[in-house]
Amino acid sequence: MRNMFEKLKRMMLSPVKFFNDVRSENWKPSLIFFLWVMLIISIITPILNYFGVESNDLSSSCQAQIAAYNYMKNHLINTYGILSYIIEGILILVFSFPILLSLTLILHFVYRLIGGKGSILNGWKAACYGLGPCLLGGFLPYVSLFAAFYSFSMQFYLGPMALYRVKQSKAIIIFTSFIALSFIEMYVFGTTVDW
């Protein structure tokens, strides 16, 4: 756990250097980091939900939080009562894996398309480590907006730019394109998660 917070500190202080430093790592350290982050989020989020803080775009930085909360609220709370919050924590973990895998594939495809070098492991590391800023209040109303944006920039810009070794100008175009797509989806569906 201490190693996780040391990595988070390095990531926050110098993200490009951090991603350059982890380039030679295999897939396990980034997965362990991801699991710790999601475990902490999956414990704190249901507790806050129980006390009335809803998981939505203004209070949650991870899509898995919002999806699990909506499922719990719409399908579990009437049947399971207080136990539904425990199930919600498990669902946050479960939902995080398909999101992680999808994000890894998208990052790899897009960054290879613009001339990036390296294997799909680069997308995996950007997706896993990029979740780190969500620990800095990614479950608190309004604070989560900053955590989510910083996490988004780590996953879609800083991490892939360093790991795939692409020019900054190309990475900025990709980053702004993903931001634009997010706003379009928010406008069309009213949220970043449509359940």
C-alpha atoms as a PDB file:
ATOM      1  CA  MET A   1       0.000   0.000   0.000  1.00  0.00           C
ATOM      2  CA  ARG A   2       2.883   2.358   0.768  1.00  0.00           C
ATOM      3  CA  ASN A   3       4.251   1.701  -2.719  1.00  0.00           C
ATOM      4  CA  MET A   4       0.885   2.714  -4.182  1.00  0.00           C
ATOM      5  CA  PHE A   5       0.926   6.108  -2.446  1.00  0.00           C
ATOM      6  CA  GLU A   6       4.557   6.619  -3.459  1.00  0.00           C
ATOM      7  CA  LYS A   7       3.569   5.991  -7.086  1.00  0.00           C
ATOM      8  CA  LEU A   8       0.598   8.345  -6.742  1.00  0.00           C
ATOM      9  CA  LYS A   9       2.880  11.063  -5.366  1.00  0.00           C
ATOM     10  CA  ARG A  10       5.387  10.618  -8.220  1.00  0.00           C
ATOM     11  CA  MET A  11       2.550  10.604 -10.734  1.00  0.00           C
ATOM     12  CA  MET A  12       1.052  13.813  -9.412  1.00  0.00           C
ATOM     13  CA  LEU A  13       4.358  15.688  -9.176  1.00  0.00           C
ATOM     14  CA  SER A  14       5.748  14.706 -12.565  1.00  0.00           C
ATOM     15  CA  PRO A  15       3.311  12.690 -14.700  1.00  0.00           C
ATOM     16  CA  VAL A  16       5.340  12.507 -17.917  1.00  0.00           C
ATOM     17  CA  LYS A  17       8.467  11.400 -16.032  1.00  0.00           C
ATOM     18  CA  PHE A  18       6.371   8.855 -14.118  1.00  0.00           C
ATOM     19  CA  PHE A  19       4.989   7.322 -17.317  1.00  0.00           C
ATOM     20  CA  ASN A  20       8.459   7.279 -18.884  1.00  0.00           C
ATOM     21  CA  ASP A  21       9.753   5.476 -15.772  1.00  0.00           C
ATOM     22  CA  VAL A  22       7.072   2.758 -15.902  1.00  0.00           C
ATOM     23  CA  ARG A  23       7.540   2.076 -19.611  1.00  0.00           C
ATOM     24  CA  SER A  24       9.651  -1.036 -18.903  1.00  0.00           C
ATOM     25  CA  GLU A  25       7.268  -2.480 -16.288  1.00  0.00           C
ATOM     26  CA  ASN A  26       5.165  -5.533 -17.046  1.00  0.00           C
ATOM     27  CA  TRP A  27       1.370  -5.552 -16.607  1.00  0.00           C
ATOM     28  CA  LYS A  28       1.260  -6.623 -12.938  1.00  0.00           C
ATOM     29  CA  PRO A  29       2.327  -3.420 -11.083  1.00  0.00           C
ATOM     30  CA  SER A  30      -0.192  -1.303 -12.967  1.00  0.00           C
ATOM     31  CA  LEU A  31      -2.944  -3.871 -12.313  1.00  0.00           C
ATOM     32  CA  ILE A  32      -2.108  -3.900  -8.592  1.00  0.00           C
ATOM     33  CA  PHE A  33      -2.257  -0.089  -8.552  1.00  0.00           C
ATOM     34  CA  PHE A  34      -5.603  -0.149 -10.354  1.00  0.00           C
ATOM     35  CA  LEU A  35      -7.000  -2.735  -7.900  1.00  0.00           C
ATOM     36  CA  TRP A  36      -5.950  -0.659  -4.866  1.00  0.00           C
ATOM     37  CA  VAL A  37      -7.524   2.490  -6.291  1.00  0.00           C
ATOM     38  CA  MET A  38     -10.765   0.717  -7.163  1.00  0.00           C
ATOM     39  CA  LEU A  39     -10.874  -1.067  -3.797  1.00  0.00           C
ATOM     40  CA  ILE A  40     -10.624   2.238  -1.929  1.00  0.00           C
ATOM     41  CA  ILE A  41     -13.239   3.829  -4.189  1.00  0.00           C
ATOM     42  CA  SER A  42     -15.560   0.813  -3.847  1.00  0.00           C
ATOM     43  CA  ILE A  43     -15.436   1.103  -0.047  1.00  0.00           C
ATOM     44  CA  ILE A  44     -15.823   4.886   0.284  1.00  0.00           C
ATOM     45  CA  THR A  45     -18.479   5.414  -2.407  1.00  0.00           C
ATOM     46  CA  PRO A  46     -21.232   3.184  -0.927  1.00  0.00           C
ATOM     47  CA  ILE A  47     -20.664   4.725   2.515  1.00  0.00           C
ATOM     48  CA  LEU A  48     -21.163   8.214   1.068  1.00  0.00           C
ATOM     49  CA  ASN A  49     -24.173   6.976  -0.917  1.00  0.00           C
ATOM     50  CA  TYR A  50     -25.711   5.585   2.262  1.00  0.00           C
ATOM     51  CA  PHE A  51     -25.403   9.024   3.868  1.00  0.00           C
ATOM     52  CA  GLY A  52     -27.155  10.699   0.937  1.00  0.00           C
ATOM     53  CA  VAL A  53     -24.363  11.652  -1.473  1.00  0.00           C
ATOM     54  CA  GLU A  54     -25.530  10.341  -4.851  1.00  0.00           C
ATOM     55  CA  SER A  55     -23.014   9.053  -7.372  1.00  0.00           C
ATOM     56  CA  ASN A  56     -23.419  11.185 -10.473  1.00  0.00           C
ATOM     57  CA  ASP A  57     -21.271  13.295 -12.769  1.00  0.00           C
ATOM     58  CA  LEU A  58     -20.834  15.952 -10.071  1.00  0.00           C
ATOM     59  CA  SER A  59     -19.757  13.573  -7.315  1.00  0.00           C
ATOM     60  CA  SER A  60     -17.996  10.628  -8.951  1.00  0.00           C
ATOM     61  CA  SER A  61     -14.879  10.491 -11.067  1.00  0.00           C
ATOM     62  CA  CYS A  62     -15.186   6.854 -12.209  1.00  0.00           C
ATOM     63  CA  GLN A  63     -17.858   5.581 -14.556  1.00  0.00           C
ATOM     64  CA  ALA A  64     -18.042   2.354 -12.522  1.00  0.00           C
ATOM     65  CA  GLN A  65     -19.213   4.354  -9.492  1.00  0.00           C
ATOM     66  CA  ILE A  66     -22.085   5.920 -11.394  1.00  0.00           C
ATOM     67  CA  ALA A  67     -23.108   2.690 -13.123  1.00  0.00           C
ATOM     68  CA  ALA A  68     -23.068   0.695  -9.870  1.00  0.00           C
ATOM     69  CA  TYR A  69     -24.986   3.381  -7.990  1.00  0.00           C
ATOM     70  CA  ASN A  70     -27.665   3.622 -10.674  1.00  0.00           C
ATOM     71  CA  TYR A  71     -28.057  -0.153 -10.761  1.00  0.00           C
ATOM     72  CA  MET A  72     -28.252  -0.327  -6.970  1.00  0.00           C
ATOM     73  CA  LYS A  73     -30.773   2.527  -6.768  1.00  0.00           C
ATOM     74  CA  ASN A  74     -32.994   1.189  -9.569  1.00  0.00           C
ATOM     75  CA  HIS A  75     -32.821  -2.563  -8.924  1.00  0.00           C
ATOM     76  CA  LEU A  76     -31.411  -3.489  -5.512  1.00  0.00           C
ATOM     77  CA  ILE A  77     -32.354  -1.006  -2.793  1.00  0.00           C
ATOM     78  CA  ASN A  78     -36.048  -2.005  -2.586  1.00  0.00           C
ATOM     79  CA  THR A  79     -35.217  -5.705  -2.328  1.00  0.00           C
ATOM     80  CA  TYR A  80     -32.021  -5.785  -0.285  1.00  0.00           C
ATOM     81  CA  GLY A  81     -32.184  -2.581   1.737  1.00  0.00           C
ATOM     82  CA  ILE A  82     -28.912  -1.711   3.455  1.00  0.00           C
ATOM     83  CA  LEU A  83     -27.198  -4.792   1.976  1.00  0.00           C
ATOM     84  CA  SER A  84     -27.550  -3.211  -1.454  1.00  0.00           C
ATOM     85  CA  TYR A  85     -24.752  -0.789  -0.514  1.00  0.00           C
ATOM     86  CA  ILE A  86     -22.382  -3.721   0.034  1.00  0.00           C
ATOM     87  CA  ILE A  87     -23.468  -5.161  -3.305  1.00  0.00           C
ATOM     88  CA  GLU A  88     -22.860  -1.728  -4.840  1.00  0.00           C
ATOM     89  CA  GLY A  89     -19.229  -1.833  -3.666  1.00  0.00           C
ATOM     90  CA  ILE A  90     -18.786  -5.210  -5.346  1.00  0.00           C
ATOM     91  CA  LEU A  91     -20.465  -3.909  -8.505  1.00  0.00           C
ATOM     92  CA  ILE A  92     -18.062  -0.963  -8.650  1.00  0.00           C
ATOM     93  CA  LEU A  93     -15.189  -3.457  -8.794  1.00  0.00           C
ATOM     94  CA  VAL A  94     -16.974  -5.677 -11.319  1.00  0.00           C
ATOM     95  CA  PHE A  95     -17.943  -2.786 -13.614  1.00  0.00           C
ATOM     96  CA  SER A  96     -14.438  -1.326 -13.509  1.00  0.00           C
ATOM     97  CA  PHE A  97     -12.903  -4.250 -15.416  1.00  0.00           C
ATOM     98  CA  PRO A  98     -14.880  -4.031 -18.681  1.00  0.00           C
ATOM     99  CA  ILE A  99     -14.336  -0.265 -18.595  1.00  0.00           C
ATOM    100  CA  LEU A 100     -10.589  -0.799 -18.088  1.00  0.00           C
ATOM    101  CA  LEU A 101     -10.367  -3.307 -20.936  1.00  0.00           C
ATOM    102  CA  SER A 102     -12.398  -1.106 -23.293  1.00  0.00           C
ATOM    103  CA  LEU A 103     -10.305   1.935 -22.456  1.00  0.00           C
ATOM    104  CA  THR A 104      -7.093  -0.028 -23.011  1.00  0.00           C
ATOM    105  CA  LEU A 105      -8.238  -1.136 -26.464  1.00  0.00           C
ATOM    106  CA  ILE A 106      -9.408   2.365 -27.432  1.00  0.00           C
ATOM    107  CA  LEU A 107      -6.165   3.998 -26.289  1.00  0.00           C
ATOM    108  CA  HIS A 108      -4.028   1.432 -28.084  1.00  0.00           C
ATOM    109  CA  PHE A 109      -6.002   1.681 -31.313  1.00  0.00           C
ATOM    110  CA  VAL A 110      -6.078   5.495 -31.384  1.00  0.00           C
ATOM    111  CA  TYR A 111      -2.449   6.046 -30.395  1.00  0.00           C
ATOM    112  CA  ARG A 112      -1.153   3.430 -32.825  1.00  0.00           C
ATOM    113  CA  LEU A 113      -3.322   5.008 -35.530  1.00  0.00           C
ATOM    114  CA  ILE A 114      -1.527   8.350 -35.067  1.00  0.00           C
ATOM    115  CA  GLY A 115       1.921   6.738 -35.221  1.00  0.00           C
ATOM    116  CA  GLY A 116       2.575   5.663 -31.644  1.00  0.00           C
ATOM    117  CA  LYS A 117       5.026   2.879 -30.939  1.00  0.00           C
ATOM    118  CA  GLY A 118       4.683  -0.051 -28.599  1.00  0.00           C
ATOM    119  CA  SER A 119       2.334  -2.799 -27.544  1.00  0.00           C
ATOM    120  CA  ILE A 120      -1.124  -2.767 -26.020  1.00  0.00           C
ATOM    121  CA  LEU A 121       0.647  -2.823 -22.647  1.00  0.00           C
ATOM    122  CA  ASN A 122       1.137   0.943 -23.088  1.00  0.00           C
ATOM    123  CA  GLY A 123      -2.622   1.495 -23.235  1.00  0.00           C
ATOM    124  CA  TRP A 124      -3.033  -0.792 -20.217  1.00  0.00           C
ATOM    125  CA  LYS A 125      -0.571   1.241 -18.146  1.00  0.00           C
ATOM    126  CA  ALA A 126      -2.130   4.561 -19.176  1.00  0.00           C
ATOM    127  CA  ALA A 127      -5.610   3.287 -18.248  1.00  0.00           C
ATOM    128  CA  CYS A 128      -4.542   1.723 -14.922  1.00  0.00           C
ATOM    129  CA  TYR A 129      -2.195   4.395 -13.629  1.00  0.00           C
ATOM    130  CA  GLY A 130      -4.298   7.216 -15.030  1.00  0.00           C
ATOM    131  CA  LEU A 131      -6.982   6.345 -12.499  1.00  0.00           C
ATOM    132  CA  GLY A 132      -4.713   7.517  -9.656  1.00  0.00           C
ATOM    133  CA  PRO A 133      -6.048  11.090  -9.365  1.00  0.00           C
ATOM    134  CA  CYS A 134      -9.490   9.655  -8.559  1.00  0.00           C
ATOM    135  CA  LEU A 135      -8.163   8.950  -5.063  1.00  0.00           C
ATOM    136  CA  LEU A 136      -7.892  12.693  -4.487  1.00  0.00           C
ATOM    137  CA  GLY A 137     -11.594  13.213  -3.862  1.00  0.00           C
ATOM    138  CA  GLY A 138     -13.052  11.320  -6.797  1.00  0.00           C
ATOM    139  CA  PHE A 139     -16.017  10.441  -4.596  1.00  0.00           C
ATOM    140  CA  LEU A 140     -16.812  13.908  -3.204  1.00  0.00           C
ATOM    141  CA  PRO A 141     -19.275  16.333  -4.789  1.00  0.00           C
ATOM    142  CA  TYR A 142     -17.593  18.879  -7.084  1.00  0.00           C
ATOM    143  CA  VAL A 143     -14.075  17.841  -5.985  1.00  0.00           C
ATOM    144  CA  SER A 144     -14.630  14.784  -8.178  1.00  0.00           C
ATOM    145  CA  LEU A 145     -14.846  17.040 -11.247  1.00  0.00           C
ATOM    146  CA  PHE A 146     -11.207  18.067 -10.793  1.00  0.00           C
ATOM    147  CA  ALA A 147     -10.119  14.518  -9.979  1.00  0.00           C
ATOM    148  CA  ALA A 148     -11.980  13.202 -13.023  1.00  0.00           C
ATOM    149  CA  PHE A 149     -10.482  15.799 -15.354  1.00  0.00           C
ATOM    150  CA  TYR A 150      -6.966  15.124 -14.103  1.00  0.00           C
ATOM    151  CA  SER A 151      -7.529  11.385 -14.408  1.00  0.00           C
ATOM    152  CA  PHE A 152      -8.923  11.908 -17.919  1.00  0.00           C
ATOM    153  CA  SER A 153      -5.839  13.915 -18.898  1.00  0.00           C
ATOM    154  CA  MET A 154      -3.559  11.184 -17.493  1.00  0.00           C
ATOM    155  CA  GLN A 155      -5.400   8.411 -19.334  1.00  0.00           C
ATOM    156  CA  PHE A 156      -5.980  10.122 -22.678  1.00  0.00           C
ATOM    157  CA  TYR A 157      -3.086  12.565 -22.969  1.00  0.00           C
ATOM    158  CA  LEU A 158      -0.083  12.460 -20.612  1.00  0.00           C
ATOM    159  CA  GLY A 159       0.168   8.688 -20.176  1.00  0.00           C
ATOM    160  CA  PRO A 160      -0.278   7.647 -23.807  1.00  0.00           C
ATOM    161  CA  MET A 161       1.864  10.524 -25.097  1.00  0.00           C
ATOM    162  CA  ALA A 162       4.800   9.352 -22.990  1.00  0.00           C
ATOM    163  CA  LEU A 163       4.229   5.604 -23.334  1.00  0.00           C
ATOM    164  CA  TYR A 164       3.549   5.549 -27.088  1.00  0.00           C
ATOM    165  CA  ARG A 165       6.146   8.267 -27.759  1.00  0.00           C
ATOM    166  CA  VAL A 166       3.949  10.470 -29.912  1.00  0.00           C
ATOM    167  CA  LYS A 167       4.389  14.158 -30.577  1.00  0.00           C
ATOM    168  CA  GLN A 168       2.673  16.460 -28.135  1.00  0.00           C
ATOM    169  CA  SER A 169       0.719  18.147 -30.927  1.00  0.00           C
ATOM    170  CA  LYS A 170      -0.854  14.834 -31.981  1.00  0.00           C
ATOM    171  CA  ALA A 171      -1.613  13.901 -28.364  1.00  0.00           C
ATOM    172  CA  ILE A 172      -3.325  17.260 -27.794  1.00  0.00           C
ATOM    173  CA  ILE A 173      -5.544  16.700 -30.843  1.00  0.00           C
ATOM    174  CA  ILE A 174      -6.548  13.263 -29.527  1.00  0.00           C
ATOM    175  CA  PHE A 175      -7.155  14.658 -26.028  1.00  0.00           C
ATOM    176  CA  THR A 176      -9.351  17.515 -27.243  1.00  0.00           C
ATOM    177  CA  SER A 177     -11.239  15.118 -29.523  1.00  0.00           C
ATOM    178  CA  PHE A 178     -12.057  12.860 -26.567  1.00  0.00           C
ATOM    179  CA  ILE A 179     -13.145  15.868 -24.504  1.00  0.00           C
ATOM    180  CA  ALA A 180     -15.407  16.998 -27.357  1.00  0.00           C
ATOM    181  CA  LEU A 181     -16.919  13.517 -27.646  1.00  0.00           C
ATOM    182  CA  SER A 182     -17.565  13.490 -23.889  1.00  0.00           C
ATOM    183  CA  PHE A 183     -19.387  16.818 -24.072  1.00  0.00           C
ATOM    184  CA  ILE A 184     -21.427  15.654 -27.050  1.00  0.00           C
ATOM    185  CA  GLU A 185     -22.467  12.537 -25.145  1.00  0.00           C
ATOM    186  CA  MET A 186     -23.299  14.607 -22.048  1.00  0.00           C
ATOM    187  CA  TYR A 187     -25.425  16.912 -24.172  1.00  0.00           C
ATOM    188  CA  VAL A 188     -27.227  14.092 -26.022  1.00  0.00           C
ATOM    189  CA  PHE A 189     -27.804  11.755 -23.070  1.00  0.00           C
ATOM    190  CA  GLY A 190     -27.657  14.196 -20.148  1.00  0.00           C
ATOM    191  CA  THR A 191     -24.836  12.289 -18.463  1.00  0.00           C
ATOM    192  CA  THR A 192     -21.534  10.600 -19.183  1.00  0.00           C
ATOM    193  CA  VAL A 193     -23.085   7.229 -18.330  1.00  0.00           C
ATOM    194  CA  ASP A 194     -26.292   6.210 -20.042  1.00  0.00           C
ATOM    195  CA  TRP A 195     -28.058   3.473 -18.053  1.00  0.00           C
END
